[in-house]
Amino acid sequence: MLKKLMLPILVVSIVVQLLVPVGMIVYGNKAEDDLQKYGKEFKIPANVYSVEHGKVNFSIVESVVFYGNDGYGVIKEKSDGYAYFVETTVGKPKGTDYIRLNEENRIEMDTFSVDCGYAYRNITEESAYLVVKVYNGDLEVVDLYMDGIPAQEWIDTNL
């Protein structure tokens, strides 16, 4: 009796082991597609402080909530068009304008990649903001603007 059950159990086990990664890949691709399709762009004020070997280092203005505990950060837009984090929650907030607060997102929101092989400290830009796309907790950094122009163009003309 036991020998008759071993083969079906083995087959089911192998099928499940193959389907789990496939399901996770499909789910990840769907989340990425949803972010691109339904995501809302926000402009978040930033302070740029250096450019080091292809990375622009900056910090987010009004970032107390963002750098606080893990969980979810709710984003709101002010009347001037800039966004800020208003609160953190442990559970998923209602709506779609929030991000997961974790170390990966914090790193993504602290540096921006550019084509520059040098290091510059004490960057003197008048205003900077980060454009991010947000949907259901997912986050994508779209661009960084310094003095109203994209960071790469600013670096090419000012450094």
N, C-alpha and C. Protein backbone atom coordinates (compact mmCIF):
# COMPACT_ATOMS: atom_id res chain seq x y z
N MET A 1 0.83 -1.20 0.00
CA MET A 1 0.00 0.00 0.00
C MET A 1 0.87 1.25 0.00
N LEU A 2 1.91 1.26 0.79
CA LEU A 2 2.78 2.42 0.89
C LEU A 2 3.54 2.67 -0.41
N LYS A 3 3.94 1.59 -1.08
CA LYS A 3 4.66 1.73 -2.35
C LYS A 3 3.76 2.34 -3.43
N LYS A 4 2.47 2.05 -3.39
CA LYS A 4 1.54 2.60 -4.37
C LYS A 4 1.35 4.11 -4.19
N LEU A 5 1.46 4.61 -2.97
CA LEU A 5 1.27 6.03 -2.69
C LEU A 5 2.53 6.86 -2.94
N MET A 6 3.69 6.25 -2.92
CA MET A 6 4.95 6.99 -3.03
C MET A 6 5.09 7.72 -4.39
N LEU A 7 4.76 7.06 -5.45
CA LEU A 7 4.92 7.67 -6.77
C LEU A 7 3.99 8.89 -6.95
N PRO A 8 2.70 8.80 -6.63
CA PRO A 8 1.84 9.99 -6.76
C PRO A 8 2.28 11.13 -5.83
N ILE A 9 2.72 10.80 -4.64
CA ILE A 9 3.18 11.83 -3.71
C ILE A 9 4.44 12.50 -4.27
N LEU A 10 5.33 11.74 -4.82
CA LEU A 10 6.55 12.27 -5.41
C LEU A 10 6.22 13.19 -6.60
N VAL A 11 5.30 12.77 -7.45
CA VAL A 11 4.91 13.57 -8.61
C VAL A 11 4.27 14.89 -8.15
N VAL A 12 3.36 14.84 -7.20
CA VAL A 12 2.71 16.04 -6.69
C VAL A 12 3.74 16.97 -6.06
N SER A 13 4.67 16.43 -5.33
CA SER A 13 5.72 17.23 -4.69
C SER A 13 6.57 17.95 -5.73
N ILE A 14 6.95 17.28 -6.77
CA ILE A 14 7.77 17.89 -7.81
C ILE A 14 6.98 18.97 -8.55
N VAL A 15 5.73 18.72 -8.84
CA VAL A 15 4.89 19.71 -9.54
C VAL A 15 4.74 20.97 -8.68
N VAL A 16 4.51 20.82 -7.39
CA VAL A 16 4.36 21.97 -6.50
C VAL A 16 5.67 22.76 -6.43
N GLN A 17 6.78 22.06 -6.34
CA GLN A 17 8.08 22.74 -6.28
C GLN A 17 8.36 23.52 -7.56
N LEU A 18 7.88 23.08 -8.68
CA LEU A 18 8.07 23.80 -9.93
C LEU A 18 7.09 24.96 -10.09
N LEU A 19 5.88 24.80 -9.59
CA LEU A 19 4.87 25.83 -9.76
C LEU A 19 5.06 27.05 -8.84
N VAL A 20 5.63 26.86 -7.68
CA VAL A 20 5.80 27.97 -6.73
C VAL A 20 6.69 29.07 -7.32
N PRO A 21 7.89 28.78 -7.82
CA PRO A 21 8.69 29.87 -8.40
C PRO A 21 8.03 30.51 -9.63
N VAL A 22 7.39 29.72 -10.44
CA VAL A 22 6.70 30.27 -11.62
C VAL A 22 5.61 31.23 -11.18
N GLY A 23 4.85 30.85 -10.17
CA GLY A 23 3.80 31.73 -9.64
C GLY A 23 4.35 33.02 -9.08
N MET A 24 5.47 32.94 -8.38
CA MET A 24 6.08 34.14 -7.82
C MET A 24 6.60 35.07 -8.92
N ILE A 25 7.15 34.52 -9.98
CA ILE A 25 7.63 35.34 -11.10
C ILE A 25 6.45 36.04 -11.78
N VAL A 26 5.38 35.32 -12.00
CA VAL A 26 4.20 35.91 -12.63
C VAL A 26 3.62 37.02 -11.75
N TYR A 27 3.56 36.80 -10.44
CA TYR A 27 3.04 37.81 -9.52
C TYR A 27 3.94 39.05 -9.53
N GLY A 28 5.26 38.86 -9.52
CA GLY A 28 6.20 39.98 -9.55
C GLY A 28 6.07 40.79 -10.82
N ASN A 29 5.92 40.12 -11.95
CA ASN A 29 5.75 40.82 -13.22
C ASN A 29 4.44 41.59 -13.25
N LYS A 30 3.38 41.03 -12.67
CA LYS A 30 2.10 41.73 -12.63
C LYS A 30 2.20 42.98 -11.76
N ALA A 31 2.89 42.89 -10.62
CA ALA A 31 3.07 44.06 -9.76
C ALA A 31 3.84 45.15 -10.49
N GLU A 32 4.87 44.78 -11.23
CA GLU A 32 5.66 45.75 -12.00
C GLU A 32 4.80 46.39 -13.09
N ASP A 33 4.00 45.60 -13.79
CA ASP A 33 3.11 46.13 -14.83
C ASP A 33 2.07 47.07 -14.25
N ASP A 34 1.51 46.71 -13.08
CA ASP A 34 0.53 47.57 -12.43
C ASP A 34 1.15 48.91 -12.03
N LEU A 35 2.38 48.87 -11.54
CA LEU A 35 3.07 50.10 -11.16
C LEU A 35 3.23 51.00 -12.38
N GLN A 36 3.65 50.44 -13.50
CA GLN A 36 3.82 51.23 -14.72
C GLN A 36 2.49 51.76 -15.26
N LYS A 37 1.45 50.95 -15.17
CA LYS A 37 0.16 51.30 -15.75
C LYS A 37 -0.65 52.25 -14.86
N TYR A 38 -0.73 51.94 -13.55
CA TYR A 38 -1.61 52.69 -12.66
C TYR A 38 -0.88 53.62 -11.70
N GLY A 39 0.46 53.55 -11.68
CA GLY A 39 1.22 54.33 -10.72
C GLY A 39 1.04 55.83 -10.88
N LYS A 40 1.08 56.53 -9.76
CA LYS A 40 0.94 57.98 -9.76
C LYS A 40 2.32 58.58 -9.45
N GLU A 41 2.69 59.62 -10.19
CA GLU A 41 3.98 60.26 -9.97
C GLU A 41 3.85 61.38 -8.94
N PHE A 42 4.86 61.43 -8.06
CA PHE A 42 4.94 62.46 -7.03
C PHE A 42 6.29 63.15 -7.12
N LYS A 43 6.31 64.44 -6.82
CA LYS A 43 7.56 65.19 -6.72
C LYS A 43 7.86 65.39 -5.23
N ILE A 44 9.00 64.88 -4.79
CA ILE A 44 9.37 64.97 -3.38
C ILE A 44 10.61 65.86 -3.26
N PRO A 45 10.54 66.95 -2.48
CA PRO A 45 11.69 67.84 -2.34
C PRO A 45 12.90 67.10 -1.75
N ALA A 46 14.09 67.46 -2.24
CA ALA A 46 15.31 66.79 -1.79
C ALA A 46 16.44 67.81 -1.65
N ASN A 47 17.44 67.46 -0.87
CA ASN A 47 18.66 68.24 -0.74
C ASN A 47 19.81 67.40 -1.27
N VAL A 48 20.44 67.84 -2.35
CA VAL A 48 21.58 67.13 -2.92
C VAL A 48 22.83 67.60 -2.20
N TYR A 49 23.68 66.66 -1.77
CA TYR A 49 24.89 67.07 -1.06
C TYR A 49 26.18 66.58 -1.70
N SER A 50 26.15 65.60 -2.60
CA SER A 50 27.39 65.19 -3.26
C SER A 50 27.11 64.33 -4.48
N VAL A 51 28.12 64.24 -5.33
CA VAL A 51 28.12 63.32 -6.46
C VAL A 51 29.40 62.51 -6.33
N GLU A 52 29.26 61.20 -6.26
CA GLU A 52 30.42 60.35 -6.06
C GLU A 52 30.39 59.17 -7.03
N HIS A 53 31.25 59.21 -8.03
CA HIS A 53 31.48 58.09 -8.94
C HIS A 53 30.19 57.47 -9.46
N GLY A 54 29.35 58.29 -10.05
CA GLY A 54 28.14 57.79 -10.69
C GLY A 54 26.91 57.78 -9.81
N LYS A 55 26.99 58.28 -8.61
CA LYS A 55 25.83 58.33 -7.71
C LYS A 55 25.65 59.74 -7.18
N VAL A 56 24.44 60.27 -7.30
CA VAL A 56 24.09 61.54 -6.68
C VAL A 56 23.50 61.21 -5.32
N ASN A 57 24.11 61.72 -4.27
CA ASN A 57 23.64 61.47 -2.91
C ASN A 57 22.77 62.64 -2.45
N PHE A 58 21.63 62.34 -1.90
CA PHE A 58 20.70 63.37 -1.47
C PHE A 58 19.91 62.87 -0.28
N SER A 59 19.20 63.78 0.35
CA SER A 59 18.28 63.39 1.43
C SER A 59 16.93 64.03 1.13
N ILE A 60 15.90 63.37 1.58
CA ILE A 60 14.54 63.85 1.34
C ILE A 60 14.20 64.91 2.38
N VAL A 61 13.64 66.02 1.94
CA VAL A 61 13.18 67.06 2.85
C VAL A 61 11.89 66.55 3.51
N GLU A 62 11.65 66.94 4.75
CA GLU A 62 10.47 66.49 5.50
C GLU A 62 10.41 64.96 5.55
N SER A 63 11.48 64.36 6.00
CA SER A 63 11.61 62.90 5.89
C SER A 63 11.50 62.16 7.21
N VAL A 64 11.01 62.78 8.25
CA VAL A 64 10.96 62.12 9.55
C VAL A 64 10.18 60.81 9.47
N VAL A 65 9.05 60.82 8.82
CA VAL A 65 8.22 59.62 8.70
C VAL A 65 8.93 58.57 7.84
N PHE A 66 9.54 59.00 6.76
CA PHE A 66 10.18 58.07 5.84
C PHE A 66 11.30 57.30 6.49
N TYR A 67 12.10 57.94 7.32
CA TYR A 67 13.23 57.28 7.95
C TYR A 67 12.89 56.69 9.31
N GLY A 68 11.63 56.68 9.68
CA GLY A 68 11.22 56.11 10.96
C GLY A 68 11.15 54.60 10.90
N ASN A 69 10.14 54.04 11.50
CA ASN A 69 9.98 52.60 11.58
C ASN A 69 9.58 51.99 10.24
N ASP A 70 9.75 50.67 10.14
CA ASP A 70 9.26 49.96 8.97
C ASP A 70 7.74 49.91 9.02
N GLY A 71 7.14 49.63 7.92
CA GLY A 71 5.69 49.59 7.80
C GLY A 71 5.31 50.16 6.45
N TYR A 72 4.35 51.07 6.45
CA TYR A 72 3.89 51.72 5.22
C TYR A 72 3.89 53.22 5.43
N GLY A 73 4.33 53.96 4.42
CA GLY A 73 4.33 55.42 4.48
C GLY A 73 3.30 55.96 3.50
N VAL A 74 2.37 56.76 4.01
CA VAL A 74 1.31 57.34 3.19
C VAL A 74 1.83 58.66 2.61
N ILE A 75 1.62 58.86 1.32
CA ILE A 75 2.09 60.06 0.62
C ILE A 75 0.90 60.96 0.32
N LYS A 76 1.08 62.24 0.60
CA LYS A 76 0.07 63.25 0.27
C LYS A 76 0.73 64.34 -0.54
N GLU A 77 -0.06 65.02 -1.34
CA GLU A 77 0.44 66.10 -2.18
C GLU A 77 -0.04 67.43 -1.62
N LYS A 78 0.87 68.38 -1.50
CA LYS A 78 0.53 69.72 -1.03
C LYS A 78 0.01 70.56 -2.19
N SER A 79 -0.50 71.74 -1.88
CA SER A 79 -1.06 72.61 -2.91
C SER A 79 0.00 73.13 -3.88
N ASP A 80 1.28 73.13 -3.47
CA ASP A 80 2.34 73.60 -4.36
C ASP A 80 2.83 72.52 -5.33
N GLY A 81 2.23 71.33 -5.27
CA GLY A 81 2.58 70.26 -6.19
C GLY A 81 3.60 69.27 -5.67
N TYR A 82 4.22 69.58 -4.52
CA TYR A 82 5.20 68.66 -3.94
C TYR A 82 4.52 67.72 -2.97
N ALA A 83 5.11 66.55 -2.79
CA ALA A 83 4.52 65.54 -1.93
C ALA A 83 5.38 65.35 -0.68
N TYR A 84 4.79 64.74 0.33
CA TYR A 84 5.48 64.44 1.58
C TYR A 84 4.83 63.22 2.22
N PHE A 85 5.54 62.60 3.15
CA PHE A 85 5.01 61.45 3.86
C PHE A 85 4.29 61.95 5.10
N VAL A 86 3.01 61.60 5.24
CA VAL A 86 2.22 62.14 6.34
C VAL A 86 2.16 61.22 7.55
N GLU A 87 2.27 59.94 7.34
CA GLU A 87 2.15 59.02 8.48
C GLU A 87 2.72 57.66 8.12
N THR A 88 2.93 56.87 9.14
CA THR A 88 3.30 55.48 8.93
C THR A 88 2.24 54.61 9.58
N THR A 89 2.00 53.47 9.00
CA THR A 89 1.05 52.53 9.55
C THR A 89 1.67 51.15 9.56
N VAL A 90 1.20 50.31 10.46
CA VAL A 90 1.69 48.94 10.51
C VAL A 90 0.99 48.11 9.44
N GLY A 91 -0.33 48.28 9.31
CA GLY A 91 -1.09 47.57 8.30
C GLY A 91 -1.19 48.38 7.02
N LYS A 92 -1.65 47.73 5.96
CA LYS A 92 -1.80 48.43 4.68
C LYS A 92 -2.82 49.55 4.81
N PRO A 93 -2.46 50.75 4.36
CA PRO A 93 -3.42 51.85 4.37
C PRO A 93 -4.45 51.70 3.26
N LYS A 94 -5.54 52.44 3.37
CA LYS A 94 -6.53 52.45 2.30
C LYS A 94 -6.00 53.32 1.17
N GLY A 95 -6.41 53.03 -0.03
CA GLY A 95 -5.95 53.78 -1.19
C GLY A 95 -4.71 53.15 -1.79
N THR A 96 -4.11 53.86 -2.75
CA THR A 96 -2.96 53.32 -3.45
C THR A 96 -1.71 54.18 -3.31
N ASP A 97 -1.81 55.31 -2.65
CA ASP A 97 -0.69 56.24 -2.55
C ASP A 97 0.10 56.01 -1.26
N TYR A 98 0.80 54.90 -1.21
CA TYR A 98 1.65 54.57 -0.07
C TYR A 98 2.79 53.69 -0.56
N ILE A 99 3.85 53.64 0.22
CA ILE A 99 4.96 52.75 -0.11
C ILE A 99 5.31 51.92 1.12
N ARG A 100 5.94 50.79 0.86
CA ARG A 100 6.48 49.97 1.94
C ARG A 100 7.75 50.64 2.44
N LEU A 101 7.83 50.85 3.73
CA LEU A 101 9.03 51.45 4.31
C LEU A 101 9.96 50.32 4.73
N ASN A 102 11.03 50.15 3.99
CA ASN A 102 12.04 49.16 4.33
C ASN A 102 13.40 49.66 3.88
N GLU A 103 14.43 48.94 4.22
CA GLU A 103 15.79 49.39 3.92
C GLU A 103 16.04 49.53 2.42
N GLU A 104 15.49 48.64 1.63
CA GLU A 104 15.68 48.70 0.17
C GLU A 104 15.12 49.99 -0.42
N ASN A 105 13.90 50.37 0.00
CA ASN A 105 13.30 51.62 -0.50
C ASN A 105 14.05 52.84 0.00
N ARG A 106 14.56 52.78 1.22
CA ARG A 106 15.32 53.91 1.76
C ARG A 106 16.61 54.12 0.97
N ILE A 107 17.28 53.04 0.60
CA ILE A 107 18.51 53.16 -0.19
C ILE A 107 18.17 53.72 -1.57
N GLU A 108 17.08 53.23 -2.15
CA GLU A 108 16.67 53.70 -3.48
C GLU A 108 16.32 55.19 -3.46
N MET A 109 15.84 55.69 -2.34
CA MET A 109 15.44 57.09 -2.24
C MET A 109 16.55 57.97 -1.68
N ASP A 110 17.78 57.47 -1.55
CA ASP A 110 18.91 58.26 -1.07
C ASP A 110 19.97 58.49 -2.13
N THR A 111 19.97 57.71 -3.21
CA THR A 111 20.97 57.88 -4.26
C THR A 111 20.29 57.78 -5.62
N PHE A 112 20.91 58.44 -6.60
CA PHE A 112 20.40 58.40 -7.95
C PHE A 112 21.59 58.21 -8.88
N SER A 113 21.51 57.27 -9.80
CA SER A 113 22.63 56.94 -10.69
C SER A 113 22.72 57.92 -11.85
N VAL A 114 23.95 58.38 -12.11
CA VAL A 114 24.25 59.25 -13.24
C VAL A 114 25.56 58.79 -13.87
N ASP A 115 25.86 59.31 -15.04
CA ASP A 115 27.10 58.97 -15.72
C ASP A 115 28.15 60.03 -15.36
N CYS A 116 28.94 59.75 -14.32
CA CYS A 116 29.95 60.69 -13.85
C CYS A 116 31.02 59.88 -13.11
N GLY A 117 32.26 59.99 -13.52
CA GLY A 117 33.32 59.22 -12.90
C GLY A 117 34.08 59.95 -11.82
N TYR A 118 33.66 61.16 -11.46
CA TYR A 118 34.38 61.97 -10.49
C TYR A 118 33.57 62.10 -9.21
N ALA A 119 34.20 62.67 -8.20
CA ALA A 119 33.52 62.92 -6.93
C ALA A 119 33.49 64.42 -6.67
N TYR A 120 32.33 64.95 -6.34
CA TYR A 120 32.16 66.36 -6.04
C TYR A 120 31.40 66.48 -4.72
N ARG A 121 31.92 67.28 -3.84
CA ARG A 121 31.26 67.54 -2.56
C ARG A 121 30.68 68.95 -2.59
N ASN A 122 29.80 69.22 -1.65
CA ASN A 122 29.22 70.56 -1.51
C ASN A 122 28.57 71.05 -2.80
N ILE A 123 27.63 70.30 -3.30
CA ILE A 123 26.89 70.68 -4.49
C ILE A 123 26.03 71.90 -4.16
N THR A 124 26.00 72.88 -5.03
CA THR A 124 25.24 74.11 -4.78
C THR A 124 24.11 74.24 -5.79
N GLU A 125 23.07 73.51 -5.57
CA GLU A 125 21.87 73.64 -6.38
C GLU A 125 20.87 74.43 -5.57
N GLU A 126 19.99 75.16 -6.26
CA GLU A 126 19.02 75.98 -5.55
C GLU A 126 17.80 75.18 -5.11
N SER A 127 17.39 74.24 -5.93
CA SER A 127 16.25 73.40 -5.58
C SER A 127 16.40 72.05 -6.26
N ALA A 128 15.97 71.04 -5.58
CA ALA A 128 16.02 69.69 -6.15
C ALA A 128 14.76 68.95 -5.72
N TYR A 129 14.32 68.06 -6.59
CA TYR A 129 13.21 67.20 -6.22
C TYR A 129 13.34 65.87 -6.95
N LEU A 130 12.82 64.87 -6.31
CA LEU A 130 12.84 63.50 -6.82
C LEU A 130 11.45 63.18 -7.36
N VAL A 131 11.38 62.60 -8.54
CA VAL A 131 10.10 62.16 -9.10
C VAL A 131 10.03 60.66 -8.89
N VAL A 132 8.99 60.23 -8.16
CA VAL A 132 8.80 58.80 -7.90
C VAL A 132 7.42 58.39 -8.39
N LYS A 133 7.31 57.14 -8.77
CA LYS A 133 6.03 56.57 -9.16
C LYS A 133 5.64 55.57 -8.07
N VAL A 134 4.40 55.68 -7.59
CA VAL A 134 3.95 54.88 -6.46
C VAL A 134 2.62 54.21 -6.80
N TYR A 135 2.51 52.94 -6.42
CA TYR A 135 1.24 52.24 -6.56
C TYR A 135 1.22 51.04 -5.62
N ASN A 136 0.24 50.98 -4.76
CA ASN A 136 0.03 49.85 -3.84
C ASN A 136 1.29 49.38 -3.14
N GLY A 137 2.05 50.31 -2.59
CA GLY A 137 3.24 49.95 -1.83
C GLY A 137 4.51 49.83 -2.64
N ASP A 138 4.40 49.74 -3.95
CA ASP A 138 5.58 49.63 -4.80
C ASP A 138 6.08 51.04 -5.17
N LEU A 139 7.38 51.14 -5.37
CA LEU A 139 8.02 52.42 -5.61
C LEU A 139 9.01 52.29 -6.75
N GLU A 140 9.04 53.31 -7.61
CA GLU A 140 10.04 53.39 -8.66
C GLU A 140 10.52 54.83 -8.73
N VAL A 141 11.84 55.02 -8.66
CA VAL A 141 12.40 56.35 -8.82
C VAL A 141 12.48 56.64 -10.31
N VAL A 142 11.80 57.69 -10.75
CA VAL A 142 11.73 58.03 -12.17
C VAL A 142 12.89 58.93 -12.56
N ASP A 143 13.10 60.02 -11.80
CA ASP A 143 14.17 60.96 -12.14
C ASP A 143 14.44 61.87 -10.96
N LEU A 144 15.59 62.52 -11.01
CA LEU A 144 15.98 63.53 -10.03
C LEU A 144 16.20 64.82 -10.80
N TYR A 145 15.59 65.89 -10.34
CA TYR A 145 15.73 67.19 -10.99
C TYR A 145 16.48 68.13 -10.06
N MET A 146 17.43 68.85 -10.62
CA MET A 146 18.20 69.84 -9.89
C MET A 146 18.05 71.17 -10.61
N ASP A 147 17.53 72.17 -9.92
CA ASP A 147 17.26 73.48 -10.50
C ASP A 147 16.37 73.38 -11.74
N GLY A 148 15.43 72.46 -11.71
CA GLY A 148 14.45 72.32 -12.78
C GLY A 148 14.87 71.51 -13.99
N ILE A 149 16.08 70.97 -13.99
CA ILE A 149 16.53 70.16 -15.12
C ILE A 149 16.96 68.78 -14.61
N PRO A 150 16.92 67.76 -15.45
CA PRO A 150 17.32 66.42 -14.99
C PRO A 150 18.74 66.42 -14.44
N ALA A 151 18.99 65.59 -13.44
CA ALA A 151 20.27 65.56 -12.75
C ALA A 151 21.44 65.32 -13.70
N GLN A 152 21.29 64.42 -14.66
CA GLN A 152 22.40 64.13 -15.58
C GLN A 152 22.77 65.38 -16.38
N GLU A 153 21.78 66.09 -16.87
CA GLU A 153 22.03 67.31 -17.63
C GLU A 153 22.66 68.38 -16.74
N TRP A 154 22.19 68.50 -15.49
CA TRP A 154 22.73 69.48 -14.55
C TRP A 154 24.21 69.19 -14.28
N ILE A 155 24.54 67.95 -14.08
CA ILE A 155 25.92 67.56 -13.80
C ILE A 155 26.80 67.82 -15.03
N ASP A 156 26.28 67.49 -16.21
CA ASP A 156 27.06 67.71 -17.44
C ASP A 156 27.37 69.19 -17.67
N THR A 157 26.47 70.08 -17.28
CA THR A 157 26.68 71.51 -17.54
C THR A 157 27.32 72.26 -16.38
N ASN A 158 27.19 71.78 -15.16
CA ASN A 158 27.67 72.53 -13.99
C ASN A 158 28.93 71.96 -13.34
N LEU A 159 29.31 70.75 -13.63
CA LEU A 159 30.50 70.18 -12.98
C LEU A 159 31.60 69.93 -13.99
